[in-house]
C-alpha atoms as a PDB file:
ATOM      1  CA  MET A   1       0.006   0.057   0.387  1.00  0.00           C
ATOM      2  CA  LEU A   2       2.714   2.134   1.000  1.00  0.00           C
ATOM      3  CA  VAL A   3       4.858   1.635  -2.186  1.00  0.00           C
ATOM      4  CA  LYS A   4       1.461   2.317  -4.646  1.00  0.00           C
ATOM      5  CA  CYS A   5       0.777   5.811  -2.506  1.00  0.00           C
ATOM      6  CA  ILE A   6       4.868   6.695  -3.456  1.00  0.00           C
ATOM      7  CA  VAL A   7       4.257   5.693  -6.939  1.00  0.00           C
ATOM      8  CA  SER A   8       1.206   7.710  -7.893  1.00  0.00           C
ATOM      9  CA  LEU A   9       2.535  11.132  -5.702  1.00  0.00           C
ATOM     10  CA  LEU A  10       5.639  10.603  -7.826  1.00  0.00           C
ATOM     11  CA  LEU A  11       3.419  10.218 -10.971  1.00  0.00           C
ATOM     12  CA  LEU A  12       1.477  13.235  -9.899  1.00  0.00           C
ATOM     13  CA  LEU A  13       4.807  14.609  -9.064  1.00  0.00           C
ATOM     14  CA  LEU A  14       5.849  14.501 -13.346  1.00  0.00           C
ATOM     15  CA  LEU A  15       3.260  15.361 -14.482  1.00  0.00           C
ATOM     16  CA  PHE A  16       3.335  18.799 -13.067  1.00  0.00           C
ATOM     17  CA  ILE A  17       6.534  19.276 -13.746  1.00  0.00           C
ATOM     18  CA  ALA A  18       5.874  18.017 -17.275  1.00  0.00           C
ATOM     19  CA  SER A  19       2.657  20.546 -17.353  1.00  0.00           C
ATOM     20  CA  ARG A  20       5.011  23.060 -16.137  1.00  0.00           C
ATOM     21  CA  ALA A  21       7.410  22.387 -18.964  1.00  0.00           C
ATOM     22  CA  VAL A  22       5.349  22.238 -21.613  1.00  0.00           C
ATOM     23  CA  LYS A  23       3.801  26.078 -20.470  1.00  0.00           C
ATOM     24  CA  LEU A  24       7.197  27.064 -20.459  1.00  0.00           C
ATOM     25  CA  PHE A  25       8.436  26.051 -23.766  1.00  0.00           C
ATOM     26  CA  ARG A  26       4.616  27.535 -25.500  1.00  0.00           C
ATOM     27  CA  ASN A  27       5.814  30.892 -24.257  1.00  0.00           C
ATOM     28  CA  LEU A  28       9.372  31.168 -25.342  1.00  0.00           C
ATOM     29  CA  GLN A  29      10.403  34.331 -26.936  1.00  0.00           C
ATOM     30  CA  GLU A  30      11.903  34.193 -30.430  1.00  0.00           C
ATOM     31  CA  PRO A  31      13.872  37.703 -31.879  1.00  0.00           C
ATOM     32  CA  PHE A  32      12.579  39.647 -34.293  1.00  0.00           C
ATOM     33  CA  ASP A  33      14.155  39.295 -37.800  1.00  0.00           C
ATOM     34  CA  SER A  34      14.942  43.264 -38.208  1.00  0.00           C
ATOM     35  CA  ALA A  35      17.006  41.874 -34.860  1.00  0.00           C
ATOM     36  CA  LYS A  36      19.761  39.999 -36.290  1.00  0.00           C
ATOM     37  CA  HIS A  37      21.030  42.867 -38.294  1.00  0.00           C
ATOM     38  CA  ALA A  38      22.887  44.250 -35.154  1.00  0.00           C
ATOM     39  CA  LEU A  39      25.141  40.586 -35.681  1.00  0.00           C
ATOM     40  CA  VAL A  40      26.809  42.323 -38.593  1.00  0.00           C
ATOM     41  CA  SER A  41      29.807  43.556 -38.519  1.00  0.00           C
ATOM     42  CA  ASP A  42      30.347  47.209 -39.845  1.00  0.00           C
ATOM     43  CA  VAL A  43      32.013  47.870 -42.948  1.00  0.00           C
ATOM     44  CA  PRO A  44      34.397  50.989 -42.262  1.00  0.00           C
ATOM     45  CA  HIS A  45      34.273  54.437 -44.392  1.00  0.00           C
ATOM     46  CA  CYS A  46      36.845  55.643 -46.496  1.00  0.00           C
ATOM     47  CA  LEU A  47      37.773  59.248 -46.810  1.00  0.00           C
ATOM     48  CA  ASN A  48      40.402  60.291 -49.143  1.00  0.00           C
ATOM     49  CA  GLY A  49      41.987  57.067 -49.053  1.00  0.00           C
ATOM     50  CA  SER A  50      42.276  56.383 -45.282  1.00  0.00           C
ATOM     51  CA  THR A  51      39.874  54.119 -43.289  1.00  0.00           C
ATOM     52  CA  ALA A  52      37.608  56.034 -40.523  1.00  0.00           C
ATOM     53  CA  SER A  53      36.906  53.893 -37.450  1.00  0.00           C
ATOM     54  CA  THR A  54      35.168  56.342 -35.720  1.00  0.00           C
ATOM     55  CA  ASP A  55      31.769  54.074 -34.211  1.00  0.00           C
ATOM     56  CA  VAL A  56      33.479  50.716 -36.338  1.00  0.00           C
ATOM     57  CA  ILE A  57      31.379  47.698 -33.848  1.00  0.00           C
ATOM     58  CA  THR A  58      32.931  44.346 -35.401  1.00  0.00           C
ATOM     59  CA  ALA A  59      30.759  41.889 -34.057  1.00  0.00           C
ATOM     60  CA  VAL A  60      32.240  38.325 -32.630  1.00  0.00           C
ATOM     61  CA  LYS A  61      30.608  35.124 -32.799  1.00  0.00           C
ATOM     62  CA  LEU A  62      31.803  33.178 -30.275  1.00  0.00           C
ATOM     63  CA  PRO A  63      32.235  29.245 -29.396  1.00  0.00           C
ATOM     64  CA  GLY A  64      28.657  28.502 -27.185  1.00  0.00           C
ATOM     65  CA  GLY A  65      26.625  30.549 -28.884  1.00  0.00           C
ATOM     66  CA  HIS A  66      27.828  33.803 -27.407  1.00  0.00           C
ATOM     67  CA  ILE A  67      28.073  37.251 -29.173  1.00  0.00           C
ATOM     68  CA  LEU A  68      30.962  39.785 -28.945  1.00  0.00           C
ATOM     69  CA  PHE A  69      30.537  43.333 -30.141  1.00  0.00           C
ATOM     70  CA  VAL A  70      34.089  45.468 -30.175  1.00  0.00           C
ATOM     71  CA  PRO A  71      34.401  49.486 -30.646  1.00  0.00           C
ATOM     72  CA  THR A  72      36.847  49.967 -33.029  1.00  0.00           C
ATOM     73  CA  THR A  73      38.086  52.690 -30.792  1.00  0.00           C
ATOM     74  CA  ARG A  74      38.077  51.972 -26.788  1.00  0.00           C
ATOM     75  CA  VAL A  75      37.960  54.064 -23.104  1.00  0.00           C
ATOM     76  CA  SER A  76      39.592  51.225 -21.837  1.00  0.00           C
ATOM     77  CA  ASN A  77      41.565  48.084 -21.995  1.00  0.00           C
ATOM     78  CA  THR A  78      40.856  46.443 -19.026  1.00  0.00           C
ATOM     79  CA  HIS A  79      37.351  46.872 -18.590  1.00  0.00           C
ATOM     80  CA  GLY A  80      34.038  45.088 -20.617  1.00  0.00           C
ATOM     81  CA  VAL A  81      30.652  44.710 -20.632  1.00  0.00           C
ATOM     82  CA  ALA A  82      28.686  41.116 -20.025  1.00  0.00           C
ATOM     83  CA  TYR A  83      24.607  40.883 -20.521  1.00  0.00           C
ATOM     84  CA  ILE A  84      22.535  38.216 -19.210  1.00  0.00           C
ATOM     85  CA  PRO A  85      19.332  37.543 -21.253  1.00  0.00           C
ATOM     86  CA  GLY A  86      15.937  37.427 -19.613  1.00  0.00           C
ATOM     87  CA  ALA A  87      13.823  34.447 -18.744  1.00  0.00           C
ATOM     88  CA  LEU A  88      12.832  32.559 -21.959  1.00  0.00           C
ATOM     89  CA  VAL A  89      14.494  35.012 -24.678  1.00  0.00           C
ATOM     90  CA  ASN A  90      16.487  34.298 -27.292  1.00  0.00           C
ATOM     91  CA  HIS A  91      19.630  35.962 -26.528  1.00  0.00           C
ATOM     92  CA  LEU A  92      19.770  37.068 -29.902  1.00  0.00           C
ATOM     93  CA  ALA A  93      16.585  39.628 -29.456  1.00  0.00           C
ATOM     94  CA  TYR A  94      19.182  41.635 -27.264  1.00  0.00           C
ATOM     95  CA  ALA A  95      21.596  41.694 -30.050  1.00  0.00           C
ATOM     96  CA  PRO A  96      20.865  45.155 -31.423  1.00  0.00           C
ATOM     97  CA  LEU A  97      20.331  46.371 -28.257  1.00  0.00           C
ATOM     98  CA  CYS A  98      24.073  45.486 -26.824  1.00  0.00           C
ATOM     99  CA  ARG A  99      25.823  46.454 -30.332  1.00  0.00           C
ATOM    100  CA  GLU A 100      24.602  50.050 -29.518  1.00  0.00           C
ATOM    101  CA  ILE A 101      25.768  50.081 -25.466  1.00  0.00           C
ATOM    102  CA  ALA A 102      29.180  49.319 -27.573  1.00  0.00           C
ATOM    103  CA  ARG A 103      28.716  51.844 -29.968  1.00  0.00           C
ATOM    104  CA  LEU A 104      27.675  54.424 -27.311  1.00  0.00           C
ATOM    105  CA  SER A 105      29.988  52.887 -24.151  1.00  0.00           C
ATOM    106  CA  LYS A 106      33.016  52.645 -26.996  1.00  0.00           C
ATOM    107  CA  LEU A 107      33.699  49.476 -24.374  1.00  0.00           C
ATOM    108  CA  PRO A 108      33.658  45.623 -25.966  1.00  0.00           C
ATOM    109  CA  VAL A 109      30.197  43.756 -24.564  1.00  0.00           C
ATOM    110  CA  LEU A 110      29.793  40.309 -24.489  1.00  0.00           C
ATOM    111  CA  LEU A 111      26.208  39.421 -25.550  1.00  0.00           C
ATOM    112  CA  LEU A 112      25.671  35.637 -23.422  1.00  0.00           C
ATOM    113  CA  ARG A 113      23.625  32.452 -24.318  1.00  0.00           C
ATOM    114  CA  VAL A 114      22.442  30.346 -21.749  1.00  0.00           C
ATOM    115  CA  THR A 115      21.232  27.344 -20.278  1.00  0.00           C
ATOM    116  CA  MET A 116      17.846  26.508 -21.533  1.00  0.00           C
ATOM    117  CA  ARG A 117      17.247  30.571 -21.649  1.00  0.00           C
ATOM    118  CA  LEU A 118      16.990  30.765 -17.963  1.00  0.00           C
ATOM    119  CA  ALA A 119      19.798  32.426 -16.439  1.00  0.00           C
ATOM    120  CA  ILE A 120      18.900  30.660 -12.813  1.00  0.00           C
ATOM    121  CA  LEU A 121      19.946  27.448 -14.329  1.00  0.00           C
ATOM    122  CA  GLY A 122      23.364  28.642 -15.583  1.00  0.00           C
ATOM    123  CA  LYS A 123      25.462  30.568 -13.494  1.00  0.00           C
ATOM    124  CA  SER A 124      28.006  28.178 -13.882  1.00  0.00           C
ATOM    125  CA  SER A 125      28.178  28.342 -17.392  1.00  0.00           C
ATOM    126  CA  ILE A 126      28.006  32.063 -17.010  1.00  0.00           C
ATOM    127  CA  THR A 127      30.742  31.984 -15.391  1.00  0.00           C
ATOM    128  CA  SER A 128      32.841  30.282 -17.316  1.00  0.00           C
ATOM    129  CA  ALA A 129      32.306  32.802 -20.514  1.00  0.00           C
ATOM    130  CA  LEU A 130      33.547  35.353 -18.678  1.00  0.00           C
ATOM    131  CA  LYS A 131      36.310  33.488 -17.785  1.00  0.00           C
ATOM    132  CA  THR A 132      37.078  32.093 -21.005  1.00  0.00           C
ATOM    133  CA  HIS A 133      36.162  35.130 -23.425  1.00  0.00           C
ATOM    134  CA  ALA A 134      38.144  37.776 -20.995  1.00  0.00           C
ATOM    135  CA  ALA A 135      40.865  37.082 -23.207  1.00  0.00           C
ATOM    136  CA  THR A 136      38.997  37.477 -26.205  1.00  0.00           C
ATOM    137  CA  ALA A 137      37.787  41.107 -25.004  1.00  0.00           C
ATOM    138  CA  GLN A 138      41.087  42.144 -24.196  1.00  0.00           C
ATOM    139  CA  VAL A 139      39.444  43.085 -20.582  1.00  0.00           C
ATOM    140  CA  THR A 140      40.692  41.986 -16.668  1.00  0.00           C
ATOM    141  CA  SER A 141      37.240  42.937 -15.292  1.00  0.00           C
ATOM    142  CA  TRP A 142      33.634  43.201 -16.284  1.00  0.00           C
ATOM    143  CA  MET A 143      30.362  45.212 -15.521  1.00  0.00           C
ATOM    144  CA  LEU A 144      27.912  42.541 -15.559  1.00  0.00           C
ATOM    145  CA  GLY A 145      24.031  43.255 -16.260  1.00  0.00           C
ATOM    146  CA  GLY A 146      20.956  41.933 -17.816  1.00  0.00           C
ATOM    147  CA  HIS A 147      17.444  42.342 -18.258  1.00  0.00           C
ATOM    148  CA  SER A 148      14.613  40.386 -16.334  1.00  0.00           C
ATOM    149  CA  MET A 149      15.950  37.636 -14.918  1.00  0.00           C
ATOM    150  CA  GLY A 150      19.112  37.679 -16.265  1.00  0.00           C
ATOM    151  CA  GLY A 151      19.269  40.984 -14.099  1.00  0.00           C
ATOM    152  CA  GLN A 152      18.772  38.915 -10.888  1.00  0.00           C
ATOM    153  CA  ALA A 153      21.504  36.450 -11.805  1.00  0.00           C
ATOM    154  CA  ALA A 154      24.115  39.201 -12.558  1.00  0.00           C
ATOM    155  CA  SER A 155      23.283  39.898  -9.362  1.00  0.00           C
ATOM    156  CA  GLN A 156      23.684  36.631  -7.751  1.00  0.00           C
ATOM    157  CA  LEU A 157      27.056  36.622  -9.691  1.00  0.00           C
ATOM    158  CA  ALA A 158      28.809  39.679  -8.057  1.00  0.00           C
ATOM    159  CA  ASP A 159      30.871  38.212  -5.423  1.00  0.00           C
ATOM    160  CA  LEU A 160      32.936  37.030  -8.709  1.00  0.00           C
ATOM    161  CA  PRO A 161      36.494  39.125  -8.121  1.00  0.00           C
ATOM    162  CA  SER A 162      36.071  40.381 -12.021  1.00  0.00           C
ATOM    163  CA  ILE A 163      32.049  42.082 -11.326  1.00  0.00           C
ATOM    164  CA  THR A 164      33.205  45.633 -10.412  1.00  0.00           C
ATOM    165  CA  ALA A 165      29.634  47.001 -11.251  1.00  0.00           C
ATOM    166  CA  ILE A 166      26.087  45.671 -11.666  1.00  0.00           C
ATOM    167  CA  PHE A 167      23.579  46.897 -14.043  1.00  0.00           C
ATOM    168  CA  LEU A 168      19.466  45.770 -13.799  1.00  0.00           C
ATOM    169  CA  HIS A 169      17.668  46.608 -16.639  1.00  0.00           C
ATOM    170  CA  ALA A 170      13.650  45.862 -15.677  1.00  0.00           C
ATOM    171  CA  SER A 171      14.497  43.819 -12.425  1.00  0.00           C
ATOM    172  CA  TYR A 172      15.811  44.600  -9.109  1.00  0.00           C
ATOM    173  CA  PRO A 173      18.887  42.330  -6.896  1.00  0.00           C
ATOM    174  CA  GLY A 174      18.453  39.042  -5.943  1.00  0.00           C
ATOM    175  CA  ALA A 175      22.143  39.504  -3.768  1.00  0.00           C
ATOM    176  CA  SER A 176      23.623  42.249  -1.799  1.00  0.00           C
ATOM    177  CA  LEU A 177      24.972  45.014  -4.324  1.00  0.00           C
ATOM    178  CA  LYS A 178      26.022  47.032  -1.542  1.00  0.00           C
ATOM    179  CA  LYS A 179      29.803  47.128  -1.635  1.00  0.00           C
ATOM    180  CA  LEU A 180      29.130  47.340  -5.793  1.00  0.00           C
ATOM    181  CA  PRO A 181      28.178  50.678  -7.973  1.00  0.00           C
ATOM    182  CA  VAL A 182      24.767  49.795  -9.295  1.00  0.00           C
ATOM    183  CA  LEU A 183      22.405  51.411 -12.127  1.00  0.00           C
ATOM    184  CA  GLN A 184      18.683  50.134 -12.182  1.00  0.00           C
ATOM    185  CA  VAL A 185      16.780  51.184 -15.543  1.00  0.00           C
ATOM    186  CA  LEU A 186      12.591  50.757 -15.224  1.00  0.00           C
ATOM    187  CA  ALA A 187      10.285  50.914 -17.469  1.00  0.00           C
ATOM    188  CA  GLU A 188       6.825  53.182 -17.283  1.00  0.00           C
ATOM    189  CA  HIS A 189       4.698  50.641 -18.975  1.00  0.00           C
ATOM    190  CA  ASP A 190       6.193  47.361 -17.400  1.00  0.00           C
ATOM    191  CA  GLU A 191       3.413  45.110 -16.141  1.00  0.00           C
ATOM    192  CA  LEU A 192       5.307  42.073 -14.753  1.00  0.00           C
ATOM    193  CA  ILE A 193       7.330  44.199 -12.349  1.00  0.00           C
ATOM    194  CA  LYS A 194       4.019  46.058 -11.409  1.00  0.00           C
ATOM    195  CA  ALA A 195       2.408  42.859 -10.380  1.00  0.00           C
ATOM    196  CA  LYS A 196       2.099  42.580  -6.940  1.00  0.00           C
ATOM    197  CA  ALA A 197       4.357  39.338  -6.327  1.00  0.00           C
ATOM    198  CA  TRP A 198       6.973  41.538  -8.177  1.00  0.00           C
ATOM    199  CA  ALA A 199       6.278  44.426  -6.325  1.00  0.00           C
ATOM    200  CA  LYS A 200       6.674  43.358  -2.832  1.00  0.00           C
ATOM    201  CA  GLY A 201       9.848  42.046  -3.630  1.00  0.00           C
ATOM    202  CA  ILE A 202      10.780  45.429  -5.260  1.00  0.00           C
ATOM    203  CA  GLU A 203      10.868  47.142  -3.045  1.00  0.00           C
ATOM    204  CA  LYS A 204      12.541  44.362  -0.227  1.00  0.00           C
ATOM    205  CA  ALA A 205      15.487  44.393  -2.496  1.00  0.00           C
ATOM    206  CA  LYS A 206      15.797  47.454  -2.282  1.00  0.00           C
ATOM    207  CA  ALA A 207      15.948  47.946   1.596  1.00  0.00           C
ATOM    208  CA  LEU A 208      17.915  44.188   1.775  1.00  0.00           C
ATOM    209  CA  TYR A 209      20.801  45.233  -1.358  1.00  0.00           C
ATOM    210  CA  MET A 210      20.681  47.867  -3.261  1.00  0.00           C
ATOM    211  CA  PRO A 211      23.239  50.496  -1.925  1.00  0.00           C
ATOM    212  CA  ALA A 212      22.170  54.201  -1.564  1.00  0.00           C
ATOM    213  CA  ALA A 213      24.554  55.907  -4.051  1.00  0.00           C
ATOM    214  CA  ALA A 214      22.267  53.524  -6.981  1.00  0.00           C
ATOM    215  CA  VAL A 215      21.333  55.012  -9.962  1.00  0.00           C
ATOM    216  CA  VAL A 216      17.787  54.530 -10.715  1.00  0.00           C
ATOM    217  CA  HIS A 217      16.444  55.358 -14.032  1.00  0.00           C
ATOM    218  CA  VAL A 218      12.586  54.968 -15.441  1.00  0.00           C
ATOM    219  CA  ILE A 219      11.874  54.679 -19.110  1.00  0.00           C
ATOM    220  CA  ALA A 220       9.059  57.381 -20.028  1.00  0.00           C
ATOM    221  CA  GLY A 221       7.010  55.018 -21.885  1.00  0.00           C
ATOM    222  CA  GLY A 222       8.605  52.101 -22.187  1.00  0.00           C
ATOM    223  CA  ASN A 223       7.698  48.515 -20.885  1.00  0.00           C
ATOM    224  CA  HIS A 224       9.085  45.342 -20.092  1.00  0.00           C
ATOM    225  CA  ALA A 225       9.273  43.902 -23.470  1.00  0.00           C
ATOM    226  CA  GLY A 226      11.021  47.193 -24.855  1.00  0.00           C
ATOM    227  CA  PHE A 227      14.429  45.836 -23.364  1.00  0.00           C
ATOM    228  CA  GLY A 228      14.378  43.518 -25.969  1.00  0.00           C
ATOM    229  CA  PHE A 229      13.801  42.649 -30.383  1.00  0.00           C
ATOM    230  CA  TYR A 230      10.830  40.791 -28.969  1.00  0.00           C
ATOM    231  CA  GLY A 231       7.179  40.450 -27.830  1.00  0.00           C
ATOM    232  CA  PRO A 232       4.757  40.846 -27.084  1.00  0.00           C
ATOM    233  CA  GLN A 233       5.398  39.695 -23.432  1.00  0.00           C
ATOM    234  CA  LYS A 234       2.837  37.602 -22.169  1.00  0.00           C
ATOM    235  CA  PHE A 235       4.082  35.209 -19.567  1.00  0.00           C
ATOM    236  CA  PRO A 236       4.300  35.255 -16.291  1.00  0.00           C
ATOM    237  CA  SER A 237       1.333  38.084 -16.581  1.00  0.00           C
ATOM    238  CA  ALA A 238       0.652  40.434 -19.541  1.00  0.00           C
ATOM    239  CA  ASP A 239       2.800  42.982 -20.470  1.00  0.00           C
ATOM    240  CA  GLY A 240       1.877  46.654 -21.061  1.00  0.00           C
ATOM    241  CA  GLU A 241       1.750  48.688 -23.622  1.00  0.00           C
ATOM    242  CA  ARG A 242       4.939  51.498 -24.901  1.00  0.00           C
ATOM    243  CA  THR A 243       3.575  55.176 -25.311  1.00  0.00           C
ATOM    244  CA  ILE A 244       7.163  55.262 -27.609  1.00  0.00           C
ATOM    245  CA  SER A 245       8.339  52.927 -30.495  1.00  0.00           C
ATOM    246  CA  LEU A 246      10.692  50.375 -29.476  1.00  0.00           C
ATOM    247  CA  ALA A 247      13.427  52.420 -31.529  1.00  0.00           C
ATOM    248  CA  GLU A 248      13.081  55.012 -28.969  1.00  0.00           C
ATOM    249  CA  GLN A 249      13.187  53.133 -25.800  1.00  0.00           C
ATOM    250  CA  GLN A 250      16.549  51.019 -27.054  1.00  0.00           C
ATOM    251  CA  LEU A 251      18.568  54.283 -27.533  1.00  0.00           C
ATOM    252  CA  GLN A 252      17.064  55.733 -24.143  1.00  0.00           C
ATOM    253  CA  VAL A 253      17.925  52.331 -21.954  1.00  0.00           C
ATOM    254  CA  ALA A 254      21.538  51.510 -24.296  1.00  0.00           C
ATOM    255  CA  ARG A 255      22.596  55.654 -23.671  1.00  0.00           C
ATOM    256  CA  THR A 256      21.359  55.689 -20.049  1.00  0.00           C
ATOM    257  CA  THR A 257      23.957  52.399 -19.490  1.00  0.00           C
ATOM    258  CA  ALA A 258      26.383  53.754 -21.486  1.00  0.00           C
ATOM    259  CA  ASP A 259      26.235  56.620 -20.054  1.00  0.00           C
ATOM    260  CA  TRP A 260      26.863  55.153 -16.483  1.00  0.00           C
ATOM    261  CA  LEU A 261      29.327  52.619 -17.748  1.00  0.00           C
ATOM    262  CA  ARG A 262      31.823  55.530 -18.939  1.00  0.00           C
ATOM    263  CA  THR A 263      31.018  57.441 -15.631  1.00  0.00           C
ATOM    264  CA  LEU A 264      32.336  54.229 -13.783  1.00  0.00           C
ATOM    265  CA  VAL A 265      35.650  54.016 -16.310  1.00  0.00           C
ATOM    266  CA  HIS A 266      36.079  57.606 -16.549  1.00  0.00           C
ATOM    267  CA  ALA A 267      36.376  57.812 -11.814  1.00  0.00           C
ATOM    268  CA  GLU A 268      39.457  55.342 -11.942  1.00  0.00           C
END
């Protein structure tokens, strides 16, 4: 009798796990086709027989599916930026944003591909990628950030010796960031963040984990999915509607992030 009860409980558990897996699979987010244009390296323009290098970005596809965006002109020979995608979102949806951050900050940006599109399951692989590709990017330290779950995963890796700053896009920390510079970029119409459970988590995280000097910026008219080139977002709850264009939200997020990154570099 006991064996039958255990078997029944195991079957129920397997059915529950299977149903959750199916639900997650149905909510995978693919990038807009236009996002793939960001994966093409710039061709330097020639003027009077010379090659102009300003704002030229090289996109490098790395083993494991990671993408490295390298500006020809760099403001630092030691610092790099790494970006972790949001839950269930194909990492290539963040290629345009990462490319623009690289262009505006003049820092190399590593766009990470994570295990099963769930950053919380891939923290060891993220750590390994940061270590492996530091040489590729020619950096010795990383300013690490990400979108939604990606931002939470970044905060949980803040104790790594190579991490010098954390930035959170439509996210809040899942571990203490009291010892590091922190940027949090939110969006006015992000209904996922405004959901009751998340809102409580945000307030708790601010009190426990955010440093007093953290920089917080809200994108007027933006939404949750507008941090990437995908959407609409309906899981785990419905996102709000943007009242600005995707291009405008992307530019504001990239500019806010890049300005903050450059401020940190120049402060050293």
